[in-house]
Amino acid sequence: MKVRVAVAENDYHSFFKLFDECPMMGAYLIDNMVPSMRFSALKTICRAYRPSISVEFVLSILGFDVENEEDLRI
């Protein structure tokens, strides 16, 4: 229910927090909502923080694994 509320309110921070903390195999149910929430969150972040925001911060907020340095390379 908390995931549904986060999606309805477009609360990307709570959504990705719940996505990481989902018990058992609940993350598999949420997987199909992740791309649309990431896109919506990215639009909101760009409008709010433009132009002074780091890529690492955006990646961590959008639920990407930023601990692995190789994944950050382009």
N, C-alpha and C. Protein backbone atom coordinates (compact mmCIF):
# COMPACT_ATOMS: atom_id res chain seq x y z
N MET A 1 0.82 -1.19 0.00
CA MET A 1 0.00 0.00 0.00
C MET A 1 0.87 1.26 0.00
N LYS A 2 1.99 1.20 0.69
CA LYS A 2 2.87 2.36 0.73
C LYS A 2 3.44 2.68 -0.65
N VAL A 3 3.72 1.63 -1.43
CA VAL A 3 4.23 1.83 -2.79
C VAL A 3 3.17 2.50 -3.64
N ARG A 4 1.93 2.08 -3.52
CA ARG A 4 0.85 2.67 -4.29
C ARG A 4 0.69 4.15 -3.95
N VAL A 5 0.79 4.49 -2.68
CA VAL A 5 0.69 5.88 -2.25
C VAL A 5 1.86 6.69 -2.82
N ALA A 6 3.06 6.13 -2.79
CA ALA A 6 4.23 6.83 -3.32
C ALA A 6 4.09 7.08 -4.82
N VAL A 7 3.56 6.12 -5.56
CA VAL A 7 3.36 6.30 -6.99
C VAL A 7 2.27 7.33 -7.25
N ALA A 8 1.18 7.26 -6.51
CA ALA A 8 0.07 8.19 -6.70
C ALA A 8 0.49 9.63 -6.39
N GLU A 9 1.33 9.81 -5.40
CA GLU A 9 1.78 11.15 -5.02
C GLU A 9 3.05 11.57 -5.76
N ASN A 10 3.55 10.71 -6.63
CA ASN A 10 4.78 10.96 -7.37
C ASN A 10 5.94 11.26 -6.42
N ASP A 11 6.01 10.51 -5.34
CA ASP A 11 7.04 10.66 -4.32
C ASP A 11 8.16 9.67 -4.63
N TYR A 12 9.10 10.11 -5.45
CA TYR A 12 10.16 9.21 -5.91
C TYR A 12 11.10 8.81 -4.78
N HIS A 13 11.32 9.69 -3.84
CA HIS A 13 12.23 9.36 -2.73
C HIS A 13 11.68 8.18 -1.92
N SER A 14 10.42 8.24 -1.54
CA SER A 14 9.81 7.14 -0.79
C SER A 14 9.72 5.87 -1.63
N PHE A 15 9.43 6.04 -2.91
CA PHE A 15 9.30 4.89 -3.81
C PHE A 15 10.60 4.09 -3.85
N PHE A 16 11.72 4.76 -4.09
CA PHE A 16 13.00 4.04 -4.19
C PHE A 16 13.48 3.53 -2.83
N LYS A 17 13.10 4.19 -1.77
CA LYS A 17 13.42 3.68 -0.44
C LYS A 17 12.65 2.39 -0.19
N LEU A 18 11.37 2.38 -0.55
CA LEU A 18 10.56 1.17 -0.40
C LEU A 18 11.04 0.07 -1.34
N PHE A 19 11.49 0.44 -2.51
CA PHE A 19 12.01 -0.53 -3.48
C PHE A 19 13.22 -1.26 -2.91
N ASP A 20 14.10 -0.54 -2.23
CA ASP A 20 15.29 -1.16 -1.62
C ASP A 20 14.95 -2.01 -0.41
N GLU A 21 13.90 -1.64 0.33
CA GLU A 21 13.55 -2.33 1.57
C GLU A 21 12.46 -3.38 1.40
N CYS A 22 12.05 -3.64 0.19
CA CYS A 22 10.94 -4.56 -0.06
C CYS A 22 11.27 -5.98 0.41
N PRO A 23 10.38 -6.58 1.20
CA PRO A 23 10.66 -7.92 1.71
C PRO A 23 10.47 -9.00 0.65
N MET A 24 11.13 -10.09 0.86
CA MET A 24 11.07 -11.28 0.00
C MET A 24 11.25 -10.91 -1.47
N MET A 25 10.28 -11.21 -2.31
CA MET A 25 10.41 -10.96 -3.74
C MET A 25 9.51 -9.82 -4.20
N GLY A 26 9.18 -8.92 -3.30
CA GLY A 26 8.31 -7.80 -3.63
C GLY A 26 8.92 -6.84 -4.64
N ALA A 27 10.24 -6.77 -4.69
CA ALA A 27 10.90 -5.88 -5.64
C ALA A 27 10.59 -6.28 -7.08
N TYR A 28 10.35 -7.56 -7.31
CA TYR A 28 10.02 -8.01 -8.66
C TYR A 28 8.67 -7.45 -9.11
N LEU A 29 7.76 -7.24 -8.17
CA LEU A 29 6.46 -6.66 -8.51
C LEU A 29 6.58 -5.18 -8.84
N ILE A 30 7.56 -4.52 -8.25
CA ILE A 30 7.73 -3.09 -8.43
C ILE A 30 8.58 -2.79 -9.68
N ASP A 31 9.31 -3.77 -10.18
CA ASP A 31 10.25 -3.56 -11.28
C ASP A 31 9.63 -2.87 -12.50
N ASN A 32 8.39 -3.16 -12.83
CA ASN A 32 7.82 -2.56 -14.04
C ASN A 32 7.46 -1.09 -13.86
N MET A 33 7.41 -0.59 -12.63
CA MET A 33 7.13 0.82 -12.37
C MET A 33 8.39 1.67 -12.29
N VAL A 34 9.54 1.04 -12.15
CA VAL A 34 10.79 1.76 -11.93
C VAL A 34 11.15 2.70 -13.08
N PRO A 35 11.10 2.29 -14.35
CA PRO A 35 11.49 3.24 -15.42
C PRO A 35 10.63 4.51 -15.47
N SER A 36 9.34 4.38 -15.30
CA SER A 36 8.49 5.57 -15.36
C SER A 36 8.72 6.48 -14.15
N MET A 37 8.96 5.88 -12.97
CA MET A 37 9.24 6.69 -11.79
C MET A 37 10.60 7.38 -11.92
N ARG A 38 11.58 6.71 -12.52
CA ARG A 38 12.90 7.32 -12.71
C ARG A 38 12.80 8.51 -13.65
N PHE A 39 12.04 8.36 -14.73
CA PHE A 39 11.89 9.45 -15.68
C PHE A 39 11.19 10.64 -15.05
N SER A 40 10.12 10.37 -14.33
CA SER A 40 9.38 11.42 -13.65
C SER A 40 10.24 12.12 -12.60
N ALA A 41 11.00 11.34 -11.85
CA ALA A 41 11.89 11.90 -10.82
C ALA A 41 12.99 12.74 -11.46
N LEU A 42 13.53 12.27 -12.57
CA LEU A 42 14.59 13.01 -13.24
C LEU A 42 14.09 14.36 -13.74
N LYS A 43 12.89 14.40 -14.27
CA LYS A 43 12.31 15.68 -14.69
C LYS A 43 12.15 16.62 -13.51
N THR A 44 11.67 16.10 -12.39
CA THR A 44 11.48 16.93 -11.20
C THR A 44 12.81 17.43 -10.65
N ILE A 45 13.80 16.57 -10.59
CA ILE A 45 15.12 16.93 -10.08
C ILE A 45 15.77 17.99 -10.96
N CYS A 46 15.66 17.83 -12.27
CA CYS A 46 16.26 18.80 -13.19
C CYS A 46 15.62 20.17 -13.05
N ARG A 47 14.32 20.20 -12.86
CA ARG A 47 13.64 21.49 -12.67
C ARG A 47 14.02 22.14 -11.34
N ALA A 48 14.16 21.34 -10.31
CA ALA A 48 14.39 21.88 -8.97
C ALA A 48 15.84 22.28 -8.71
N TYR A 49 16.79 21.48 -9.17
CA TYR A 49 18.19 21.67 -8.79
C TYR A 49 19.08 22.22 -9.90
N ARG A 50 18.52 22.48 -11.06
CA ARG A 50 19.32 22.90 -12.20
C ARG A 50 20.13 24.12 -11.88
N PRO A 51 21.30 24.32 -12.25
CA PRO A 51 22.28 23.44 -12.88
C PRO A 51 23.29 22.85 -11.89
N SER A 52 23.06 23.01 -10.61
CA SER A 52 24.11 22.66 -9.64
C SER A 52 23.80 21.36 -8.90
N ILE A 53 23.79 20.26 -9.63
CA ILE A 53 23.56 18.96 -8.99
C ILE A 53 24.54 17.95 -9.56
N SER A 54 25.07 17.11 -8.70
CA SER A 54 26.06 16.13 -9.17
C SER A 54 25.37 14.89 -9.73
N VAL A 55 26.06 14.25 -10.62
CA VAL A 55 25.54 13.03 -11.24
C VAL A 55 25.41 11.91 -10.21
N GLU A 56 26.36 11.83 -9.29
CA GLU A 56 26.32 10.79 -8.27
C GLU A 56 25.09 10.93 -7.39
N PHE A 57 24.72 12.17 -7.05
CA PHE A 57 23.53 12.40 -6.24
C PHE A 57 22.27 11.95 -6.99
N VAL A 58 22.18 12.30 -8.25
CA VAL A 58 21.01 11.91 -9.05
C VAL A 58 20.92 10.40 -9.17
N LEU A 59 22.04 9.75 -9.41
CA LEU A 59 22.04 8.29 -9.52
C LEU A 59 21.62 7.63 -8.22
N SER A 60 22.08 8.14 -7.10
CA SER A 60 21.71 7.54 -5.82
C SER A 60 20.23 7.75 -5.52
N ILE A 61 19.69 8.92 -5.85
CA ILE A 61 18.27 9.19 -5.61
C ILE A 61 17.39 8.31 -6.50
N LEU A 62 17.85 8.03 -7.72
CA LEU A 62 17.05 7.25 -8.67
C LEU A 62 17.20 5.75 -8.48
N GLY A 63 17.90 5.32 -7.45
CA GLY A 63 17.97 3.91 -7.12
C GLY A 63 19.05 3.12 -7.82
N PHE A 64 20.01 3.79 -8.43
CA PHE A 64 21.12 3.09 -9.06
C PHE A 64 22.18 2.78 -8.01
N ASP A 65 22.98 1.76 -8.27
CA ASP A 65 24.07 1.38 -7.37
C ASP A 65 25.27 2.25 -7.67
N VAL A 66 25.58 3.19 -6.78
CA VAL A 66 26.70 4.11 -7.00
C VAL A 66 27.95 3.70 -6.24
N GLU A 67 27.89 2.62 -5.51
CA GLU A 67 29.06 2.18 -4.75
C GLU A 67 30.12 1.56 -5.66
N ASN A 68 29.70 1.02 -6.78
CA ASN A 68 30.63 0.41 -7.71
C ASN A 68 31.17 1.49 -8.65
N GLU A 69 32.45 1.81 -8.56
CA GLU A 69 33.06 2.87 -9.36
C GLU A 69 33.01 2.58 -10.85
N GLU A 70 33.07 1.31 -11.24
CA GLU A 70 33.05 0.97 -12.66
C GLU A 70 31.71 1.30 -13.30
N ASP A 71 30.62 1.22 -12.55
CA ASP A 71 29.31 1.53 -13.09
C ASP A 71 29.12 3.01 -13.36
N LEU A 72 29.95 3.87 -12.74
CA LEU A 72 29.83 5.30 -12.93
C LEU A 72 30.55 5.79 -14.17
N ARG A 73 31.41 4.97 -14.73
CA ARG A 73 32.14 5.37 -15.94
C ARG A 73 31.23 5.29 -17.16
N ILE A 74 31.46 6.20 -18.08
CA ILE A 74 30.66 6.21 -19.33
C ILE A 74 31.49 5.68 -20.45
